[in-house]
C-alpha atoms as a PDB file:
ATOM      1  CA  MET A   1       3.133  -2.420  22.322  1.00  0.00           C
ATOM      2  CA  LYS A   2       2.032   0.966  20.975  1.00  0.00           C
ATOM      3  CA  ASN A   3       2.893   2.664  24.265  1.00  0.00           C
ATOM      4  CA  ARG A   4       6.341   1.076  24.264  1.00  0.00           C
ATOM      5  CA  MET A   5       6.935   2.115  20.655  1.00  0.00           C
ATOM      6  CA  LEU A   6       5.715   5.613  21.471  1.00  0.00           C
ATOM      7  CA  ALA A   7       8.045   5.829  24.463  1.00  0.00           C
ATOM      8  CA  ASN A   8      10.943   4.534  22.378  1.00  0.00           C
ATOM      9  CA  PHE A   9      10.267   7.108  19.688  1.00  0.00           C
ATOM     10  CA  ALA A  10      10.130   9.946  22.213  1.00  0.00           C
ATOM     11  CA  ALA A  11      13.332   8.760  23.863  1.00  0.00           C
ATOM     12  CA  ALA A  12      15.076   8.462  20.502  1.00  0.00           C
ATOM     13  CA  ALA A  13      13.939  11.929  19.431  1.00  0.00           C
ATOM     14  CA  LEU A  14      15.128  13.437  22.683  1.00  0.00           C
ATOM     15  CA  PHE A  15      18.465  11.575  22.529  1.00  0.00           C
ATOM     16  CA  LEU A  16      19.148  12.626  18.948  1.00  0.00           C
ATOM     17  CA  THR A  17      18.294  16.212  19.733  1.00  0.00           C
ATOM     18  CA  LEU A  18      20.550  16.301  22.763  1.00  0.00           C
ATOM     19  CA  ALA A  19      23.339  14.333  21.073  1.00  0.00           C
ATOM     20  CA  PHE A  20      23.355  16.459  17.936  1.00  0.00           C
ATOM     21  CA  PRO A  21      22.365  19.995  18.919  1.00  0.00           C
ATOM     22  CA  ALA A  22      23.999  21.338  15.760  1.00  0.00           C
ATOM     23  CA  MET A  23      21.064  19.870  13.814  1.00  0.00           C
ATOM     24  CA  ALA A  24      18.604  22.031  15.745  1.00  0.00           C
ATOM     25  CA  PRO A  25      17.417  25.186  14.029  1.00  0.00           C
ATOM     26  CA  ALA A  26      20.066  27.841  14.414  1.00  0.00           C
ATOM     27  CA  ALA A  27      19.272  30.857  16.521  1.00  0.00           C
ATOM     28  CA  PRO A  28      19.848  34.204  14.860  1.00  0.00           C
ATOM     29  CA  LYS A  29      23.327  35.515  15.539  1.00  0.00           C
ATOM     30  CA  THR A  30      23.515  38.690  17.548  1.00  0.00           C
ATOM     31  CA  PRO A  31      26.654  40.667  18.216  1.00  0.00           C
ATOM     32  CA  ALA A  32      28.246  39.959  21.576  1.00  0.00           C
ATOM     33  CA  LYS A  33      27.672  42.639  24.167  1.00  0.00           C
ATOM     34  CA  PRO A  34      30.146  43.399  26.900  1.00  0.00           C
ATOM     35  CA  ALA A  35      29.159  41.929  30.259  1.00  0.00           C
ATOM     36  CA  THR A  36      27.581  44.424  32.592  1.00  0.00           C
ATOM     37  CA  ALA A  37      25.662  44.256  35.835  1.00  0.00           C
ATOM     38  CA  THR A  38      22.394  44.195  33.849  1.00  0.00           C
ATOM     39  CA  THR A  39      23.472  41.491  31.413  1.00  0.00           C
ATOM     40  CA  PRO A  40      21.601  38.260  32.201  1.00  0.00           C
ATOM     41  CA  ALA A  41      23.612  35.156  32.945  1.00  0.00           C
ATOM     42  CA  PRO A  42      24.002  32.724  30.045  1.00  0.00           C
ATOM     43  CA  GLU A  43      21.426  29.968  29.946  1.00  0.00           C
ATOM     44  CA  ARG A  44      22.468  26.992  32.012  1.00  0.00           C
ATOM     45  CA  HIS A  45      21.165  24.211  29.773  1.00  0.00           C
ATOM     46  CA  PRO A  46      21.326  25.262  26.127  1.00  0.00           C
ATOM     47  CA  GLU A  47      20.904  21.628  25.014  1.00  0.00           C
ATOM     48  CA  ILE A  48      17.445  21.516  26.577  1.00  0.00           C
ATOM     49  CA  HIS A  49      16.451  24.714  24.786  1.00  0.00           C
ATOM     50  CA  ALA A  50      17.845  23.344  21.516  1.00  0.00           C
ATOM     51  CA  ALA A  51      15.921  20.092  22.037  1.00  0.00           C
ATOM     52  CA  ILE A  52      12.681  22.027  22.498  1.00  0.00           C
ATOM     53  CA  GLU A  53      13.267  23.992  19.302  1.00  0.00           C
ATOM     54  CA  SER A  54      14.119  20.853  17.375  1.00  0.00           C
ATOM     55  CA  LEU A  55      11.077  18.948  18.634  1.00  0.00           C
ATOM     56  CA  GLU A  56       8.813  21.893  17.828  1.00  0.00           C
ATOM     57  CA  HIS A  57      10.270  21.935  14.305  1.00  0.00           C
ATOM     58  CA  ALA A  58       9.691  18.165  13.935  1.00  0.00           C
ATOM     59  CA  LYS A  59       6.112  18.536  15.194  1.00  0.00           C
ATOM     60  CA  GLN A  60       5.463  21.322  12.685  1.00  0.00           C
ATOM     61  CA  HIS A  61       6.820  19.103   9.899  1.00  0.00           C
ATOM     62  CA  LEU A  62       4.571  16.211  10.965  1.00  0.00           C
ATOM     63  CA  ASN A  63       1.522  18.490  11.213  1.00  0.00           C
ATOM     64  CA  GLU A  64       2.117  19.805   7.683  1.00  0.00           C
ATOM     65  CA  ALA A  65       2.959  16.411   6.147  1.00  0.00           C
ATOM     66  CA  LYS A  66       0.791  15.180   3.280  1.00  0.00           C
ATOM     67  CA  HIS A  67       0.776  11.571   4.535  1.00  0.00           C
ATOM     68  CA  ASP A  68       0.490   9.794   7.872  1.00  0.00           C
ATOM     69  CA  PHE A  69       3.750   7.770   7.846  1.00  0.00           C
ATOM     70  CA  GLN A  70       1.804   4.474   7.820  1.00  0.00           C
ATOM     71  CA  GLY A  71      -0.262   5.475  10.836  1.00  0.00           C
ATOM     72  CA  HIS A  72       2.631   6.662  12.982  1.00  0.00           C
ATOM     73  CA  ARG A  73       2.204  10.412  12.532  1.00  0.00           C
ATOM     74  CA  VAL A  74      -0.396  10.898  15.275  1.00  0.00           C
ATOM     75  CA  GLU A  75       1.567   8.786  17.758  1.00  0.00           C
ATOM     76  CA  ALA A  76       4.773  10.638  16.908  1.00  0.00           C
ATOM     77  CA  ILE A  77       3.062  13.977  17.554  1.00  0.00           C
ATOM     78  CA  ARG A  78       1.802  12.679  20.910  1.00  0.00           C
ATOM     79  CA  ALA A  79       5.326  11.538  21.795  1.00  0.00           C
ATOM     80  CA  ILE A  80       6.725  14.931  20.852  1.00  0.00           C
ATOM     81  CA  ASP A  81       4.080  16.662  22.972  1.00  0.00           C
ATOM     82  CA  ALA A  82       4.992  14.443  25.948  1.00  0.00           C
ATOM     83  CA  ALA A  83       8.702  15.136  25.473  1.00  0.00           C
ATOM     84  CA  LEU A  84       8.075  18.881  25.157  1.00  0.00           C
ATOM     85  CA  GLU A  85       6.034  18.847  28.355  1.00  0.00           C
ATOM     86  CA  GLN A  86       8.856  17.150  30.258  1.00  0.00           C
ATOM     87  CA  LEU A  87      11.514  19.475  28.827  1.00  0.00           C
ATOM     88  CA  ARG A  88       9.477  22.545  29.756  1.00  0.00           C
ATOM     89  CA  ILE A  89       9.220  21.215  33.302  1.00  0.00           C
ATOM     90  CA  CYS A  90      13.013  20.848  33.293  1.00  0.00           C
ATOM     91  CA  GLU A  91      13.321  24.469  32.142  1.00  0.00           C
ATOM     92  CA  LYS A  92      11.463  25.637  35.237  1.00  0.00           C
ATOM     93  CA  TYR A  93      14.314  24.266  37.328  1.00  0.00           C
ATOM     94  CA  ASP A  94      17.003  25.756  35.080  1.00  0.00           C
END
């Protein structure tokens, strides 16, 4: 049951991050540069990058929390680590 709950938590975290990317930490705004031959192409999957940032932020919050969320903190961190691992694999194929 713990594995199923862990998987459900990871799936929910990933879904919420992808469904609501505006809630992810905002990247610093930089002025737009004119496109040139040396300008890199825009990232192909910004939602995945936003999900990674959001999950890293959530993990940091859980690591710094003063309580253990009734025993769920450690499992939540493991679920975040598993989700981050999968998202980083996805980035390799971006």
